[in-house]
Amino acid sequence: MATNWYYADSSNQQCGPVDSDWLATAFRSGKLVATTLVWREGLAGWLPIAQVAAELGLGNIATPPPLAAAARTAGKATIAKPSSSRSGLVIGLVVGFFVLIAFLGILAAIALPAYQDYTLRARVAAAMAELETDKLKVAEFRDSAHRCPVAGDDGFGEPGDYANRVVATLHMREKDGECIIEVTFASTGANAIGGKRLRATLDAQGQWRYDSDLPQRYLPLALRQSNLTSR
């Protein structure tokens, strides 16, 4: 890899970067002289070309007297070392890191609510699956006993017996000749369905209907497209 050099022109202004061959050619043509100050990464400070002549392939050049070198910079601004390319890389990495953090924050803001909605819909679907099983049992009981089952009947538990991570209680009762199964959702953490209800009702004609106070977006698609009423 070519070494990047910097040099001070006749106005003591920093110039470069240039490579070693350019410096050597400029010296031979008289554009640069033995007292011209040069610097590259790795040097402790700016040096006259005469002190790095061997490195530039110029052979031995008489080192100028200290006073002559000092005269070049007397009364003029000090030349700062050029920033290392490594510094630019570090700055780029730091900027890239913060851009990545911001991007991940945006993704999280979008993805987290969507994931929470997905988990709540999954809980409602699990309760619906349990209702399907209970609906068969209720219909069979009414056909054989000619009434709706209630808690404590053979094959039916108390409301709290059905509790799990999704369901808090499951009530079975009769109202106006119709059999009702009502699920109350468990309040597991801070969620939007805790305490909400989903009710399945078997009418006198043997048809089931649903009603719920759940937000529509958490209901299965088939119920959202049906005549389900939200209370």
Protein backbone atom coordinates (compact mmCIF):
# COMPACT_ATOMS: atom_id res chain seq x y z
CA MET A 1 0.00 0.00 0.00
CA ALA A 2 1.38 3.40 -0.97
CA THR A 3 2.35 5.69 1.90
CA ASN A 4 0.47 8.97 2.08
CA TRP A 5 2.78 11.95 2.57
CA TYR A 6 1.94 15.56 3.30
CA TYR A 7 4.20 18.56 2.70
CA ALA A 8 4.28 22.30 3.39
CA ASP A 9 4.40 24.53 0.31
CA SER A 10 6.22 27.85 0.01
CA SER A 11 3.34 29.56 1.85
CA ASN A 12 3.62 27.01 4.63
CA GLN A 13 0.23 25.56 3.69
CA GLN A 14 -0.37 21.87 4.15
CA CYS A 15 -0.65 19.92 0.87
CA GLY A 16 -1.28 16.28 0.03
CA PRO A 17 -1.65 13.46 0.34
CA VAL A 18 0.97 12.42 -2.22
CA ASP A 19 3.07 9.29 -2.54
CA SER A 20 6.83 8.83 -2.07
CA ASP A 21 7.57 8.93 -5.82
CA TRP A 22 5.81 12.27 -6.17
CA LEU A 23 7.89 13.78 -3.35
CA ALA A 24 11.13 12.46 -4.83
CA THR A 25 10.25 13.79 -8.29
CA ALA A 26 9.23 17.18 -6.87
CA PHE A 27 12.52 17.41 -5.00
CA ARG A 28 14.61 16.55 -8.06
CA SER A 29 12.73 19.14 -10.15
CA GLY A 30 13.36 21.84 -7.56
CA LYS A 31 9.71 22.23 -6.57
CA LEU A 32 10.65 21.04 -3.09
CA VAL A 33 13.93 21.66 -1.28
CA ALA A 34 15.87 19.99 1.49
CA THR A 35 14.17 22.16 4.12
CA THR A 36 10.64 21.44 2.89
CA LEU A 37 8.71 20.00 5.82
CA VAL A 38 7.01 16.67 5.25
CA TRP A 39 4.97 14.24 7.37
CA ARG A 40 3.43 10.80 7.15
CA GLU A 41 1.56 8.65 9.63
CA GLY A 42 4.03 7.16 12.07
CA LEU A 43 6.30 10.20 12.32
CA ALA A 44 6.36 12.05 15.61
CA GLY A 45 6.31 15.40 13.84
CA TRP A 46 7.05 17.31 10.65
CA LEU A 47 10.61 16.82 9.32
CA PRO A 48 12.69 18.37 6.53
CA ILE A 49 12.94 16.20 3.42
CA ALA A 50 16.68 15.92 4.09
CA GLN A 51 15.94 13.80 7.18
CA VAL A 52 13.78 11.29 5.30
CA ALA A 53 15.76 11.33 2.02
CA ALA A 54 16.83 7.70 2.31
CA GLU A 55 13.21 6.60 2.76
CA LEU A 56 12.25 8.55 -0.38
CA GLY A 57 15.11 7.05 -2.40
CA LEU A 58 16.97 10.37 -2.66
CA GLY A 59 20.22 9.16 -1.14
CA ASN A 60 22.06 11.46 1.23
CA ILE A 61 21.01 15.09 1.29
CA ALA A 62 22.86 17.56 3.44
CA THR A 63 20.78 18.22 6.53
CA PRO A 64 20.03 21.96 6.75
CA PRO A 65 21.25 23.83 9.81
CA PRO A 66 18.60 24.01 12.55
CA LEU A 67 18.36 27.78 12.15
CA ALA A 68 17.61 27.46 8.45
CA ALA A 69 14.81 25.02 9.14
CA ALA A 70 13.49 27.27 11.88
CA ALA A 71 13.56 30.27 9.54
CA ARG A 72 11.05 28.56 7.25
CA THR A 73 8.42 28.45 9.97
CA ALA A 74 9.27 31.67 11.84
CA GLY A 75 6.23 33.89 12.21
CA LYS A 76 3.96 31.41 10.44
CA ALA A 77 1.18 29.22 11.69
CA THR A 78 2.06 25.76 12.89
CA ILE A 79 1.12 23.03 10.42
CA ALA A 80 -1.22 20.49 12.00
CA LYS A 81 -0.81 16.81 11.32
CA PRO A 82 -3.39 15.61 8.85
CA SER A 83 -6.12 13.46 10.29
CA SER A 84 -5.38 9.77 10.04
CA SER A 85 -7.56 7.68 7.79
CA ARG A 86 -8.21 5.58 10.87
CA SER A 87 -9.95 8.52 12.50
CA GLY A 88 -12.36 8.72 9.55
CA LEU A 89 -13.02 5.00 9.85
CA VAL A 90 -13.76 5.29 13.57
CA ILE A 91 -16.13 8.20 12.98
CA GLY A 92 -17.86 6.22 10.24
CA LEU A 93 -18.28 3.23 12.52
CA VAL A 94 -19.70 5.37 15.34
CA VAL A 95 -22.18 7.06 12.98
CA GLY A 96 -23.13 3.69 11.51
CA PHE A 97 -23.70 2.28 15.00
CA PHE A 98 -26.15 5.03 15.93
CA VAL A 99 -27.94 4.71 12.60
CA LEU A 100 -28.30 0.97 13.25
CA ILE A 101 -29.69 1.61 16.76
CA ALA A 102 -32.23 4.07 15.34
CA PHE A 103 -33.23 1.59 12.64
CA LEU A 104 -33.68 -1.21 15.18
CA GLY A 105 -35.79 1.12 17.32
CA ILE A 106 -38.10 1.80 14.38
CA LEU A 107 -38.42 -1.93 13.68
CA ALA A 108 -39.22 -2.61 17.33
CA ALA A 109 -41.89 0.11 17.36
CA ILE A 110 -43.55 -1.57 14.38
CA ALA A 111 -43.00 -5.23 15.23
CA LEU A 112 -43.81 -5.24 18.97
CA PRO A 113 -47.48 -4.14 18.70
CA ALA A 114 -47.99 -6.58 15.82
CA TYR A 115 -46.54 -9.41 17.90
CA GLN A 116 -48.73 -8.51 20.88
CA ASP A 117 -51.83 -8.55 18.67
CA TYR A 118 -50.77 -11.95 17.31
CA THR A 119 -50.44 -13.47 20.79
CA LEU A 120 -53.84 -12.13 21.88
CA ARG A 121 -55.52 -13.49 18.76
CA ALA A 122 -53.89 -16.84 19.51
CA ARG A 123 -55.44 -16.81 23.01
CA VAL A 124 -58.87 -16.06 21.61
CA ALA A 125 -58.45 -18.88 19.08
CA ALA A 126 -57.54 -21.27 21.92
CA ALA A 127 -60.71 -20.27 23.80
CA MET A 128 -62.74 -20.78 20.63
CA ALA A 129 -61.34 -24.31 20.30
CA GLU A 130 -62.43 -25.06 23.86
CA LEU A 131 -65.87 -23.64 23.14
CA GLU A 132 -66.28 -25.98 20.15
CA THR A 133 -65.77 -28.99 22.42
CA ASP A 134 -68.17 -27.63 25.04
CA LYS A 135 -70.79 -26.84 22.39
CA LEU A 136 -71.00 -30.51 21.44
CA LYS A 137 -71.37 -31.53 25.07
CA VAL A 138 -74.08 -28.91 25.70
CA ALA A 139 -76.07 -29.92 22.60
CA GLU A 140 -75.88 -33.63 23.53
CA PHE A 141 -76.92 -32.89 27.13
CA ARG A 142 -79.94 -30.84 26.04
CA ASP A 143 -81.02 -33.56 23.60
CA SER A 144 -80.92 -36.19 26.32
CA ALA A 145 -82.00 -34.21 29.41
CA HIS A 146 -84.31 -31.75 27.59
CA ARG A 147 -82.75 -28.84 29.44
CA CYS A 148 -79.54 -26.83 29.42
CA PRO A 149 -76.66 -27.99 31.60
CA VAL A 150 -75.46 -25.92 34.55
CA ALA A 151 -72.37 -26.10 36.74
CA GLY A 152 -72.22 -29.33 38.65
CA ASP A 153 -74.21 -31.42 36.15
CA ASP A 154 -72.64 -34.68 35.08
CA GLY A 155 -69.65 -33.87 32.86
CA PHE A 156 -69.69 -30.13 33.66
CA GLY A 157 -67.53 -28.44 36.28
CA GLU A 158 -67.77 -25.23 38.25
CA PRO A 159 -66.84 -21.97 36.45
CA GLY A 160 -63.40 -21.82 38.04
CA ASP A 161 -62.58 -25.44 37.12
CA TYR A 162 -61.88 -24.35 33.55
CA ALA A 163 -59.27 -21.75 34.52
CA ASN A 164 -55.97 -21.76 32.66
CA ARG A 165 -53.56 -19.18 31.19
CA VAL A 166 -56.24 -18.12 28.69
CA VAL A 167 -59.58 -18.66 30.45
CA ALA A 168 -60.48 -17.27 33.87
CA THR A 169 -63.96 -18.81 34.12
CA LEU A 170 -66.44 -20.68 31.95
CA HIS A 171 -70.10 -20.35 32.88
CA MET A 172 -72.96 -22.54 31.61
CA ARG A 173 -76.53 -21.48 32.17
CA GLU A 174 -80.00 -21.30 30.64
CA LYS A 175 -81.89 -18.14 29.73
CA ASP A 176 -85.27 -17.97 27.98
CA GLY A 177 -84.94 -21.57 26.85
CA GLU A 178 -81.50 -21.02 25.32
CA CYS A 179 -78.26 -22.64 26.49
CA ILE A 180 -75.41 -20.23 27.08
CA ILE A 181 -71.65 -20.88 27.38
CA GLU A 182 -69.73 -17.78 28.46
CA VAL A 183 -65.94 -17.55 28.59
CA THR A 184 -64.23 -14.82 30.61
CA PHE A 185 -60.61 -14.27 29.57
CA ALA A 186 -57.79 -14.36 32.09
CA SER A 187 -55.93 -11.16 32.90
CA THR A 188 -52.43 -12.53 32.26
CA GLY A 189 -50.20 -9.46 32.43
CA ALA A 190 -51.28 -6.19 30.87
CA ASN A 191 -53.36 -7.21 27.87
CA ALA A 192 -56.41 -5.94 26.01
CA ILE A 193 -58.58 -9.03 26.48
CA GLY A 194 -58.32 -9.66 30.23
CA GLY A 195 -61.84 -9.67 31.71
CA LYS A 196 -63.48 -9.61 28.26
CA ARG A 197 -66.18 -12.18 27.43
CA LEU A 198 -67.04 -14.44 24.52
CA ARG A 199 -70.47 -16.05 24.58
CA ALA A 200 -71.93 -18.90 22.51
CA THR A 201 -75.74 -19.34 22.64
CA LEU A 202 -77.72 -22.39 21.46
CA ASP A 203 -81.25 -21.37 20.43
CA ALA A 204 -84.42 -23.46 20.36
CA GLN A 205 -83.82 -24.37 16.71
CA GLY A 206 -80.39 -25.87 17.52
CA GLN A 207 -78.42 -22.98 15.97
CA TRP A 208 -75.43 -21.37 17.65
CA ARG A 209 -74.67 -17.66 17.66
CA TYR A 210 -71.88 -15.62 19.23
CA ASP A 211 -71.58 -12.27 20.93
CA SER A 212 -68.59 -10.66 22.60
CA ASP A 213 -67.17 -7.47 24.02
CA LEU A 214 -63.75 -8.30 22.57
CA PRO A 215 -62.18 -5.79 20.16
CA GLN A 216 -62.94 -7.00 16.63
CA ARG A 217 -59.28 -7.34 15.63
CA TYR A 218 -58.74 -10.14 18.15
CA LEU A 219 -61.63 -12.29 16.89
CA PRO A 220 -61.12 -15.09 14.36
CA LEU A 221 -61.70 -13.90 10.80
CA ALA A 222 -64.77 -16.12 10.37
CA LEU A 223 -66.48 -14.40 13.32
CA ARG A 224 -65.50 -10.92 12.17
CA GLN A 225 -67.17 -11.62 8.82
CA SER A 226 -70.27 -13.17 10.41
CA ASN A 227 -73.17 -11.49 12.16
CA LEU A 228 -71.38 -11.58 15.49
CA THR A 229 -72.48 -8.74 17.72
CA SER A 230 -70.03 -6.97 20.03
CA ARG A 231 -71.39 -5.82 23.33
